[in-house]
Each structure stands twice: as C-alpha cells, then as structure tokens.
Protein backbone atom coordinates (compact mmCIF):
# COMPACT_ATOMS: atom_id res chain seq x y z
CA MET A 1 -23.48 -10.12 -14.27
CA THR A 2 -22.99 -10.97 -10.62
CA ASP A 3 -23.52 -8.55 -7.77
CA PRO A 4 -20.15 -7.10 -6.59
CA ALA A 5 -21.12 -7.58 -2.94
CA LYS A 6 -21.81 -11.25 -3.63
CA VAL A 7 -18.42 -11.60 -5.34
CA ARG A 8 -16.69 -10.04 -2.32
CA ARG A 9 -18.55 -12.37 0.06
CA HIS A 10 -17.54 -15.40 -2.00
CA ALA A 11 -13.92 -14.23 -2.11
CA GLU A 12 -13.86 -13.82 1.65
CA ARG A 13 -15.45 -17.22 2.13
CA ILE A 14 -12.87 -18.81 -0.19
CA ARG A 15 -10.07 -17.22 1.84
CA GLU A 16 -11.53 -18.57 5.08
CA LEU A 17 -12.13 -22.05 3.65
CA VAL A 18 -8.67 -22.39 2.15
CA ALA A 19 -7.04 -21.19 5.38
CA SER A 20 -9.09 -23.66 7.41
CA VAL A 21 -8.35 -26.61 5.12
CA VAL A 22 -4.64 -25.79 4.94
CA ARG A 23 -4.46 -25.60 8.72
CA SER A 24 -6.46 -28.73 9.52
CA GLN A 25 -6.58 -31.16 6.58
CA ILE A 26 -3.37 -30.86 4.58
CA LYS A 27 -0.66 -32.97 6.19
CA ASP A 28 2.05 -32.38 3.57
CA PRO A 29 5.47 -31.99 5.24
CA ARG A 30 6.52 -29.55 2.50
CA LEU A 31 3.92 -27.07 3.74
CA GLY A 32 5.69 -24.33 5.67
CA MET A 33 4.45 -21.60 7.97
CA ILE A 34 1.78 -20.28 5.62
CA THR A 35 -0.71 -17.45 5.97
CA ILE A 36 -3.56 -16.98 3.51
CA THR A 37 -3.67 -13.22 3.06
CA ASP A 38 -6.33 -12.62 0.43
CA ALA A 39 -8.57 -14.23 -2.17
CA ARG A 40 -10.07 -12.71 -5.28
CA ILE A 41 -12.64 -14.21 -7.57
CA THR A 42 -13.73 -13.16 -11.03
CA ALA A 43 -17.17 -11.69 -11.59
CA ASP A 44 -18.39 -14.91 -13.25
CA LEU A 45 -17.29 -16.88 -10.13
CA ARG A 46 -15.20 -19.29 -12.23
CA ASP A 47 -11.62 -18.41 -11.31
CA ALA A 48 -10.28 -17.63 -7.85
CA THR A 49 -6.83 -16.37 -6.97
CA VAL A 50 -5.59 -17.09 -3.45
CA PHE A 51 -2.68 -15.02 -2.12
CA TYR A 52 -0.43 -16.43 0.58
CA THR A 53 2.77 -15.64 2.44
CA VAL A 54 5.34 -18.08 3.77
CA LEU A 55 7.68 -17.55 6.66
CA GLY A 56 11.13 -18.64 5.58
CA ASP A 57 13.60 -18.51 2.75
CA ALA A 58 13.17 -19.21 -0.96
CA ALA A 59 13.40 -22.98 -0.42
CA ALA A 60 10.51 -22.87 2.06
CA GLN A 61 8.49 -20.79 -0.38
CA ALA A 62 9.15 -23.21 -3.23
CA SER A 63 8.24 -26.28 -1.17
CA THR A 64 5.05 -24.62 0.08
CA ALA A 65 4.10 -23.72 -3.49
CA ALA A 66 4.60 -27.37 -4.50
CA ALA A 67 2.48 -28.56 -1.55
CA LEU A 68 -0.35 -26.18 -2.46
CA GLU A 69 -0.19 -27.27 -6.10
CA SER A 70 -0.53 -30.92 -5.10
CA ALA A 71 -3.44 -30.16 -2.76
CA LYS A 72 -5.24 -27.93 -5.28
CA GLY A 73 -7.82 -30.58 -6.23
CA MET A 74 -8.87 -31.25 -2.64
CA LEU A 75 -9.04 -27.51 -1.93
CA ARG A 76 -11.11 -26.89 -5.05
CA SER A 77 -13.63 -29.61 -4.20
CA THR A 78 -13.93 -28.35 -0.62
CA VAL A 79 -14.48 -24.79 -1.79
CA GLY A 80 -16.99 -25.89 -4.45
CA LYS A 81 -19.06 -27.90 -1.95
CA ALA A 82 -19.03 -25.15 0.66
CA LEU A 83 -20.00 -22.35 -1.73
CA GLY A 84 -22.78 -24.32 -3.40
CA LEU A 85 -22.08 -22.86 -6.83
CA ARG A 86 -22.94 -24.54 -10.10
CA HIS A 87 -19.28 -24.56 -11.14
CA SER A 88 -16.52 -24.94 -8.63
CA PRO A 89 -14.00 -22.11 -9.17
CA THR A 90 -10.50 -22.99 -10.27
CA LEU A 91 -7.90 -22.02 -7.70
CA THR A 92 -4.65 -20.27 -8.50
CA PHE A 93 -2.12 -19.73 -5.72
CA VAL A 94 0.07 -16.64 -5.83
CA LEU A 95 2.89 -15.89 -3.43
CA ASP A 96 2.12 -12.54 -1.84
CA ASP A 97 5.38 -10.63 -1.70
CA VAL A 98 4.09 -7.86 0.54
CA GLN A 99 6.92 -8.31 3.04
CA ASP A 100 9.55 -7.87 0.31
CA GLN A 101 7.82 -4.75 -0.96
CA VAL A 102 7.52 -3.36 2.57
CA LYS A 103 11.25 -3.91 3.08
CA HIS A 104 12.00 -2.23 -0.26
CA ILE A 105 9.83 0.79 0.64
CA ASP A 106 11.47 1.02 4.09
CA ASP A 107 14.89 1.03 2.40
CA LEU A 108 13.78 3.79 0.02
CA LEU A 109 12.43 5.86 2.92
CA ALA A 110 15.71 5.42 4.81
CA GLN A 111 17.63 6.61 1.73
CA ALA A 112 15.30 9.63 1.44
CA ARG A 113 15.79 10.48 5.14
CA HIS A 114 19.56 10.25 4.68
CA ALA A 115 19.43 12.51 1.61
CA ASP A 116 17.20 15.03 3.45
CA ALA A 117 19.62 15.09 6.39
CA GLU A 118 22.50 15.73 3.98
CA VAL A 119 20.60 18.59 2.33
CA GLN A 120 19.83 20.08 5.76
CA ARG A 121 23.49 19.80 6.74
CA LEU A 122 24.58 21.58 3.55
CA ALA A 123 21.87 24.23 3.91
CA ALA A 124 22.96 25.08 7.46
CA ASN A 125 26.28 26.48 6.19
CA ALA A 126 24.91 27.96 2.97
CA ARG A 127 25.01 31.65 2.07
CA TYR A 128 23.08 33.60 -0.51
CA ALA A 129 24.72 33.83 -3.92
CA GLY A 130 23.88 37.53 -4.21
CA GLU A 131 22.58 39.97 -1.67
CA ALA A 132 20.44 38.75 1.19
CA GLN A 133 17.54 40.93 -0.04
CA PRO A 134 17.49 40.71 -3.87
CA TYR A 135 14.57 43.17 -4.27
CA ARG A 136 14.83 46.92 -4.11
CA VAL A 137 13.29 48.40 -1.03
CA ASP A 138 12.59 52.12 -0.94
CA GLU A 139 13.77 53.66 2.27
CA ASP A 140 11.14 56.40 1.94
CA SER A 141 8.09 54.26 2.41
CA ASP A 142 4.61 55.80 2.20
CA GLU A 143 3.41 53.53 4.99
CA GLY A 144 5.56 55.33 7.55
CA ASP A 145 4.07 58.67 6.42
CA LEU A 146 0.48 57.46 6.90
CA ASP A 147 1.14 56.57 10.51
CA SER A 148 2.38 60.05 11.31
CA ASP A 149 -0.53 61.86 9.56
CA ASP A 150 -3.73 62.90 11.23
CA GLU A 151 -6.10 60.16 12.28
CA ASP A 152 -9.11 61.62 10.44
CA THR A 153 -7.43 61.59 7.03
CA PRO A 154 -8.61 58.46 5.18
CA PRO A 155 -6.08 56.35 3.24
CA ALA A 156 -5.59 57.11 -0.43
CA SER A 157 -7.60 54.06 -1.50
CA ASP A 158 -10.70 55.31 0.38
CA ARG A 159 -10.60 58.87 -1.00
CA ARG A 160 -12.74 59.82 -3.96
C-alpha cells in the first residue's frame, strides 16, 4: 500500500505537469481555453484522472476533449518520465462541470430566496386562527402575591 501523502504529492505533480505541457507543448488548434483543475491518482499509482474546464460552448468542450485524447500518449510519457515511477500511470481526462453546478446551485438559492420572500409577504398580513393567546392564563397569579408579601418570608420552594 502506498502512503496517502505520497499519492497526494504525485497527484499534484501530475496536475502541474499536464497543465505545463498543455500550455507549452501541445499546438493542436482544437485545444480551447483550458484550465486543469485537479488530478487524482489511485493508491497503486497506475491510473490518474485529470479534471479540466473549458471556456466556451459545447462545441469548444468537444473539440478540447478530442485534442486531449489525441495528445494523451505524449502527456502520459511526459508524466511517467517526470515522476520516475516503474509504471507510467494511464491518464483519463474528465470535463469538470463545476461551473454548471455552481450556476444550478445559484438558481436554486434564488428560487429559495423568492419563496422565502413570498412566505414573509404572506406572514405579514396573517392573523391567528384562534385566539392570540391559546393557553389559559390565571388572572390571580401567585407571583404578584409574593411581591407584596414581607421581604423576610422565604418562597414556598425554600420552606421546609
């Protein structure tokens, strides 16, 4: 079993290497505005998953995915040489849809804010269904009597 800290270091190094190679060595015109966001590697250091985002529409994302697939061999050999591992890890590229999820969550929060505002608007004009005070309150409270008694008389709970 490999040390988890070592696995994290290798994953970070893979992310840096792939980002560097994509920026400087890949000259494919299909490659769009890409950002390598994360890399994860299995504990046996054999398979690495590289997450990326692309600025643009679905066509730009598809062309960037095709460019990364065609450059996978060069990226794998570069990563394998730089890491110095016995087996060069296989690379899998996954489109990171964080931006879409962020937009979806923002939309859900906006809907929740709208619903809360509607509830507040309805609650402002609301009235109780029954009486305002649904519990019986005795008008002859013992608390008022204790205040008017002598100061040296202890409360009923302290008497024995």
